[in-house]
Structures are given as structure tokens and as C-alpha cells.
Amino acid sequence: MTIGRGRSMRELIASGERSFSFEFLPPKTDAGEEQLWSAVQALEPFAPTFVSVTYGAGGSSRDTTVRITSRIARETSLTPVAHLTCVGHTRAELDGILDEYAAAGVRHLMLLRGDPPEGPRAEWTPTPGGPEYALELVEMAAARGDFRIGVAAFPERHPRSPSLDHDADVLAAKARAGAEFAVTQMFFRADDYVSLVERVRERGVEMPILPGIMPILNLDAIRRQGELIGTDVPPEIVARIGAHEGDPVSMRAEGIALAAELCTELLDRGAPGLHFYTLNRSKATLEIFEKLSVTP
């Protein structure tokens, strides 16, 4: 099935039994760009609901993100979702970037506050003349009327949030401002995702919330990233992965198995689909698909 690019993401996600989507990073080298396009080509036959391209800290990858997202729009059957953050941009600059996306035929956006260049736990200082929160960026894009908008969600508390309820309040406010779907940060317990959805539904918001999936292929790396973004690696998962210490092949296989188990539980408990953080490689996602019996 070819996904129509003019439809809302809510409609796209609702159009099939399950939604699958993939996230890519803006490549820094020619070799990295070849790797990205290899992953795009390997995953395109699965007809994902959308693919997204992230935006570097401080707007560092702006030109690459715009170029790659535009190329996906031009040269593939995929629906591209372009990331855009508040970091390092004035409102005038953000309007200019939105103009670039519109001119390139990119109609779907993932709008985020973004992390300071020093990292997610660094003190947040808005750019003079720029928005302070993602909510303001959502309002800016929604007012134009020519974009479909996605936002971030946090099954575990955002590193700078006072509470899980506050996170749910923020997500509900973004939905009311014009966001029509959300994608979560990576997490490892289905209960955390289900609880987030319940909190948002209690606030009268029915937007689809897609769980973000990142398989653990390297325990130390995933721990470091989890510490940065406030994601906990549960002890039982550490134990299962750690049992293969010194055997990277077995550790990888266990990580894939754990991810597939999480995906199955999430779908069984009502998730509308799955969003995979690919790190510009297709192999792990394809291995998870094999375990889920997902075929092109």
C-alpha cells in the first residue's frame, strides 16, 4: 500500500493494522550517507507509515536534515517526517526552515524543544528571539496550516520535568495546540508506556502515541544514553544481557530477543504501532521484524 503524503498522520496510523516507522540520523560523512541510503532501501519494502530524520543539537545538522528529508520526499515512496528543534534558532529562522520544508514538499514535522549542545541534562537557555518550549513551535507550525505535526513523549519522566503528571500535561497541551501524534523516547518496560497513554487519555486526549524502540546491542552504550535522557535499564534486562558478557554475538542476539518481546507486549496491550530508532542501520530492525513475523 502506498501511503498518501497529504493525509494526516492520525489517518496514516489508523489506516493499517499496525504502524511501523523508522528514524534516521543526519549523516556526517559521504560513507555515512551511503549507509543511510542502504538502510532506507532495505526498509522501504516494508511500506512504513513514515520515516523521520533527526536534527542535531544546536541545529548543527540543519542543512543535512533538510537535504536528506527532501531527497526522501523526491526519490522514494516513503512519507518523510522532518525534525525541527527550538535550539539555536530565532522565530524568524524557524519560519525560514519551515518555508524550506514546504518548498521541498515535506508536509510532516516532528517538533521538539531539543537538547542543549552540552547534552539533555545541561541547563536549558532559550535562544534570544526564539521559542522557549516545543509547545510554542507547535503553535507556530500549526498556524501556517500546511503541516502535519508530531511531538515527543516520555514514558519515564523527562530529565528536567518535576513529575510524570507534568509530562502528561505538556503532551496534552501540545495535542490541543495542533500536534496529531507522538513518538516516545526509548524505554524498556511496557508498563511505563501503558501508564503514559493512560495519563494522557485521562486528560481527554486521544492522539496516537507510538512507542520508540531501540534494541540493546551494547549494554554500556545504552546505559550511557539512558542516563542522559532519563531512561532506566531495568535490572532484569541488565542481568539477561550481562549473562553474555564477553560474547558480543550472543549479547546482540539477546538484545534483539528482548526488543522483540517488548514489541509483542506493546502491540498486545494496544500500541498502534512501533517506531524504530535505527541508528542508520537496517539489520537490527530486520531481525526484530523476523521475530515478529513482519514481512514486506
Protein backbone atom coordinates (compact mmCIF):
# COMPACT_ATOMS: atom_id res chain seq x y z
CA MET A 1 0.00 0.00 0.00
CA THR A 2 1.35 3.43 -0.88
CA ILE A 3 0.84 5.95 1.86
CA GLY A 4 -0.67 9.25 0.74
CA ARG A 5 1.50 12.15 1.81
CA GLY A 6 -1.35 14.61 2.13
CA ARG A 7 -3.25 12.68 4.80
CA SER A 8 -2.90 13.31 8.49
CA MET A 9 -0.58 11.08 10.50
CA ARG A 10 -3.55 10.07 12.63
CA GLU A 11 -5.20 8.78 9.44
CA LEU A 12 -1.99 7.14 8.26
CA ILE A 13 -1.51 5.33 11.56
CA ALA A 14 -5.16 4.27 11.62
CA SER A 15 -5.08 3.02 8.01
CA GLY A 16 -3.44 -0.32 8.78
CA GLU A 17 -3.48 -2.99 11.44
CA ARG A 18 -0.10 -1.80 12.69
CA SER A 19 2.06 1.22 12.04
CA PHE A 20 5.79 0.76 11.57
CA SER A 21 8.11 3.74 11.28
CA PHE A 22 11.85 4.31 11.25
CA GLU A 23 14.11 7.10 12.45
CA PHE A 24 17.42 8.06 10.84
CA LEU A 25 20.25 10.36 11.85
CA PRO A 26 21.69 13.03 9.54
CA PRO A 27 24.97 11.50 8.23
CA LYS A 28 28.25 13.33 8.84
CA THR A 29 30.30 11.79 6.01
CA ASP A 30 29.81 10.51 2.47
CA ALA A 31 30.26 6.95 3.76
CA GLY A 32 27.65 7.62 6.41
CA GLU A 33 25.24 8.89 3.79
CA GLU A 34 25.74 5.72 1.72
CA GLN A 35 24.99 3.67 4.84
CA LEU A 36 21.82 5.64 5.48
CA TRP A 37 20.54 5.16 1.94
CA SER A 38 21.33 1.46 2.15
CA ALA A 39 19.15 1.27 5.27
CA VAL A 40 16.38 3.28 3.58
CA GLN A 41 16.40 0.90 0.61
CA ALA A 42 16.34 -2.17 2.84
CA LEU A 43 13.39 -0.91 4.88
CA GLU A 44 11.33 0.75 2.13
CA PRO A 45 9.71 -2.56 1.02
CA PHE A 46 8.01 -2.76 4.42
CA ALA A 47 5.91 0.31 3.47
CA PRO A 48 6.42 2.15 6.76
CA THR A 49 3.86 4.72 7.80
CA PHE A 50 6.68 7.26 7.84
CA VAL A 51 10.41 7.72 8.24
CA SER A 52 11.94 10.59 10.18
CA VAL A 53 15.29 12.36 10.06
CA THR A 54 16.61 13.91 13.27
CA TYR A 55 18.03 17.35 13.87
CA GLY A 56 21.42 17.80 15.53
CA ALA A 57 21.95 19.56 18.85
CA GLY A 58 22.03 23.30 18.42
CA GLY A 59 20.77 22.98 14.87
CA SER A 60 24.14 21.55 13.85
CA SER A 61 22.71 19.32 11.13
CA ARG A 62 20.09 21.71 9.79
CA ASP A 63 21.23 21.70 6.14
CA THR A 64 21.82 17.94 6.08
CA THR A 65 18.46 17.20 7.68
CA VAL A 66 16.63 19.41 5.19
CA ARG A 67 18.54 17.89 2.26
CA ILE A 68 18.06 14.26 3.30
CA THR A 69 14.39 14.72 4.15
CA SER A 70 13.80 16.48 0.84
CA ARG A 71 15.54 13.70 -1.06
CA ILE A 72 13.37 11.07 0.63
CA ALA A 73 10.31 13.07 -0.44
CA ARG A 74 11.56 13.27 -4.05
CA GLU A 75 13.13 9.88 -4.66
CA THR A 76 11.22 7.32 -2.60
CA SER A 77 7.68 6.19 -1.92
CA LEU A 78 8.17 6.96 1.76
CA THR A 79 6.44 9.66 3.79
CA PRO A 80 9.23 11.73 5.38
CA VAL A 81 8.86 13.43 8.74
CA ALA A 82 11.37 16.22 9.30
CA HIS A 83 12.62 17.00 12.79
CA LEU A 84 12.91 20.61 13.92
CA THR A 85 14.04 21.93 17.29
CA CYS A 86 13.95 25.26 19.10
CA VAL A 87 17.66 25.09 19.95
CA GLY A 88 19.80 27.82 18.44
CA HIS A 89 17.04 29.39 16.33
CA THR A 90 15.06 32.60 16.41
CA ARG A 91 11.42 32.56 15.37
CA ALA A 92 12.40 34.18 12.06
CA GLU A 93 14.95 31.43 11.38
CA LEU A 94 12.41 28.74 12.23
CA ASP A 95 9.92 30.32 9.83
CA GLY A 96 12.61 30.18 7.14
CA ILE A 97 13.25 26.48 7.79
CA LEU A 98 9.51 25.79 7.62
CA ASP A 99 9.50 27.59 4.27
CA GLU A 100 12.30 25.30 3.05
CA TYR A 101 10.41 22.19 4.09
CA ALA A 102 7.20 23.40 2.47
CA ALA A 103 9.05 24.20 -0.78
CA ALA A 104 10.58 20.70 -0.77
CA GLY A 105 7.17 19.06 -0.42
CA VAL A 106 7.78 17.93 3.17
CA ARG A 107 4.45 18.22 5.00
CA HIS A 108 5.06 16.18 8.15
CA LEU A 109 7.12 17.50 11.05
CA MET A 110 8.45 16.23 14.37
CA LEU A 111 8.69 19.34 16.56
CA LEU A 112 10.87 19.25 19.66
CA ARG A 113 12.37 21.65 22.14
CA GLY A 114 15.66 19.85 21.53
CA ASP A 115 18.69 19.36 23.73
CA PRO A 116 21.32 21.99 24.50
CA PRO A 117 24.63 21.35 22.68
CA GLU A 118 26.09 20.22 26.03
CA GLY A 119 23.54 17.39 26.33
CA PRO A 120 20.00 16.64 27.58
CA ARG A 121 20.83 17.29 31.23
CA ALA A 122 22.53 20.65 30.64
CA GLU A 123 20.79 23.82 31.74
CA TRP A 124 18.24 24.94 29.15
CA THR A 125 18.57 28.50 27.92
CA PRO A 126 16.27 29.58 25.07
CA THR A 127 17.79 31.40 22.12
CA PRO A 128 17.11 35.15 22.26
CA GLY A 129 14.19 35.78 19.91
CA GLY A 130 13.35 32.08 19.77
CA PRO A 131 10.68 29.91 21.41
CA GLU A 132 11.31 28.52 24.87
CA TYR A 133 9.24 25.34 24.59
CA ALA A 134 8.19 22.85 21.93
CA LEU A 135 4.59 23.94 22.53
CA GLU A 136 5.40 27.33 21.01
CA LEU A 137 6.98 25.68 17.98
CA VAL A 138 3.85 23.52 17.55
CA GLU A 139 1.71 26.66 17.67
CA MET A 140 3.92 28.35 15.05
CA ALA A 141 3.73 25.44 12.60
CA ALA A 142 0.05 24.76 13.21
CA ALA A 143 -0.84 28.39 12.50
CA ARG A 144 0.54 28.02 8.98
CA GLY A 145 -1.99 25.30 8.15
CA ASP A 146 0.24 23.38 5.74
CA PHE A 147 1.98 20.92 8.10
CA ARG A 148 1.06 17.77 10.00
CA ILE A 149 2.75 17.71 13.38
CA GLY A 150 4.26 15.08 15.65
CA VAL A 151 5.87 15.60 19.06
CA ALA A 152 7.94 13.73 21.64
CA ALA A 153 6.54 11.79 24.60
CA PHE A 154 8.25 10.43 27.70
CA PRO A 155 7.19 7.12 29.27
CA GLU A 156 9.69 7.85 32.04
CA ARG A 157 10.00 11.35 33.44
CA HIS A 158 11.70 13.92 31.22
CA PRO A 159 15.10 14.73 32.78
CA ARG A 160 14.01 18.29 33.59
CA SER A 161 10.37 17.60 34.43
CA PRO A 162 9.03 17.73 38.01
CA SER A 163 6.69 14.77 37.53
CA LEU A 164 5.09 12.25 35.20
CA ASP A 165 1.81 14.16 35.52
CA HIS A 166 3.55 17.33 34.33
CA ASP A 167 4.84 15.43 31.28
CA ALA A 168 1.29 14.29 30.51
CA ASP A 169 0.00 17.86 30.92
CA VAL A 170 2.61 19.11 28.43
CA LEU A 171 1.79 16.40 25.90
CA ALA A 172 -1.93 17.13 26.19
CA ALA A 173 -1.25 20.85 25.67
CA LYS A 174 0.77 20.10 22.51
CA ALA A 175 -2.11 17.97 21.19
CA ARG A 176 -4.56 20.80 21.77
CA ALA A 177 -2.18 23.21 20.02
CA GLY A 178 -2.18 21.12 16.85
CA ALA A 179 0.02 18.05 17.28
CA GLU A 180 -1.68 14.93 15.99
CA PHE A 181 0.66 12.12 17.04
CA ALA A 182 3.56 11.48 19.41
CA VAL A 183 6.61 9.23 19.47
CA THR A 184 8.17 8.21 22.76
CA GLN A 185 11.77 8.18 23.87
CA MET A 186 13.25 4.71 24.07
CA PHE A 187 12.19 2.66 27.11
CA PHE A 188 12.33 -0.95 28.23
CA ARG A 189 9.17 -1.63 30.27
CA ALA A 190 5.77 -1.88 28.59
CA ASP A 191 4.11 -0.76 31.83
CA ASP A 192 5.80 2.66 31.51
CA TYR A 193 4.31 3.15 28.05
CA VAL A 194 0.84 1.94 29.04
CA SER A 195 0.84 4.25 32.07
CA LEU A 196 1.79 7.23 29.89
CA VAL A 197 -1.08 6.52 27.49
CA GLU A 198 -3.50 6.21 30.41
CA ARG A 199 -2.39 9.56 31.87
CA VAL A 200 -2.85 11.30 28.51
CA ARG A 201 -6.26 9.69 27.93
CA GLU A 202 -7.35 10.88 31.39
CA ARG A 203 -6.71 14.40 30.09
CA GLY A 204 -9.15 13.90 27.23
CA VAL A 205 -6.50 13.50 24.53
CA GLU A 206 -6.84 10.63 22.05
CA MET A 207 -3.77 11.25 19.84
CA PRO A 208 -1.85 8.12 18.76
CA ILE A 209 1.30 7.59 20.82
CA LEU A 210 3.89 5.41 19.11
CA PRO A 211 6.41 3.61 21.33
CA GLY A 212 10.05 4.24 20.40
CA ILE A 213 12.14 1.07 20.21
CA MET A 214 15.92 0.80 20.45
CA PRO A 215 17.36 -2.71 20.86
CA ILE A 216 20.21 -3.15 23.34
CA LEU A 217 23.17 -4.27 21.23
CA ASN A 218 25.79 -2.80 23.57
CA LEU A 219 24.91 -2.59 27.27
CA ASP A 220 27.43 0.11 28.18
CA ALA A 221 26.34 2.36 25.30
CA ILE A 222 22.65 2.01 26.10
CA ARG A 223 23.31 2.73 29.78
CA ARG A 224 25.16 5.94 28.90
CA GLN A 225 22.37 7.07 26.61
CA GLY A 226 19.74 6.10 29.16
CA GLU A 227 21.44 8.19 31.84
CA LEU A 228 21.43 11.19 29.51
CA ILE A 229 17.76 11.04 28.59
CA GLY A 230 16.42 9.68 31.86
CA THR A 231 15.71 6.12 30.73
CA ASP A 232 16.20 3.30 33.22
CA VAL A 233 17.61 -0.05 32.12
CA PRO A 234 15.77 -2.48 34.42
CA PRO A 235 17.89 -4.91 36.49
CA GLU A 236 16.29 -7.95 34.90
CA ILE A 237 17.34 -6.73 31.46
CA VAL A 238 20.85 -5.94 32.67
CA ALA A 239 21.02 -9.49 34.04
CA ARG A 240 19.89 -11.08 30.78
CA ILE A 241 22.26 -9.02 28.66
CA GLY A 242 25.10 -9.23 31.19
CA ALA A 243 24.96 -13.02 31.15
CA HIS A 244 26.55 -12.79 27.69
CA GLU A 245 29.41 -10.50 28.73
CA GLY A 246 32.45 -11.25 26.58
CA ASP A 247 30.38 -12.80 23.78
CA PRO A 248 29.21 -9.93 21.55
CA VAL A 249 27.35 -12.25 19.17
CA SER A 250 25.27 -13.78 21.96
CA MET A 251 24.79 -10.38 23.59
CA ARG A 252 23.43 -8.97 20.35
CA ALA A 253 21.07 -11.93 19.92
CA GLU A 254 19.75 -11.46 23.46
CA GLY A 255 19.22 -7.76 22.81
CA ILE A 256 17.22 -8.50 19.68
CA ALA A 257 15.16 -11.11 21.54
CA LEU A 258 14.40 -8.63 24.35
CA ALA A 259 13.35 -5.95 21.87
CA ALA A 260 11.06 -8.38 20.06
CA GLU A 261 9.47 -9.41 23.36
CA LEU A 262 8.84 -5.76 24.25
CA CYS A 263 7.35 -5.08 20.81
CA THR A 264 5.00 -8.05 21.11
CA GLU A 265 3.82 -6.96 24.56
CA LEU A 266 3.28 -3.38 23.43
CA LEU A 267 1.18 -4.41 20.44
CA ASP A 268 -0.79 -6.87 22.58
CA ARG A 269 -1.52 -4.05 25.05
CA GLY A 270 -2.86 -1.66 22.45
CA ALA A 271 0.06 0.27 20.97
CA PRO A 272 -0.94 1.49 17.48
CA GLY A 273 2.46 0.57 16.09
CA LEU A 274 6.21 0.71 16.64
CA HIS A 275 8.81 3.37 15.90
CA PHE A 276 12.38 2.09 15.48
CA TYR A 277 15.49 4.10 16.26
CA THR A 278 17.67 2.61 13.52
CA LEU A 279 20.99 4.45 14.02
CA ASN A 280 21.07 4.38 10.19
CA ARG A 281 21.35 0.61 10.04
CA SER A 282 18.63 -1.80 8.98
CA LYS A 283 19.97 -5.11 10.30
CA ALA A 284 18.65 -4.97 13.87
CA THR A 285 15.21 -3.77 12.79
CA LEU A 286 15.00 -6.52 10.17
CA GLU A 287 15.99 -9.10 12.79
CA ILE A 288 13.23 -7.86 15.09
CA PHE A 289 10.76 -7.97 12.20
CA GLU A 290 11.72 -11.59 11.56
CA LYS A 291 10.90 -12.48 15.16
CA LEU A 292 7.59 -10.60 14.86
CA SER A 293 6.80 -12.35 11.56
CA VAL A 294 6.62 -9.00 9.77
CA THR A 295 7.27 -9.33 6.05
CA PRO A 296 7.45 -6.79 3.18
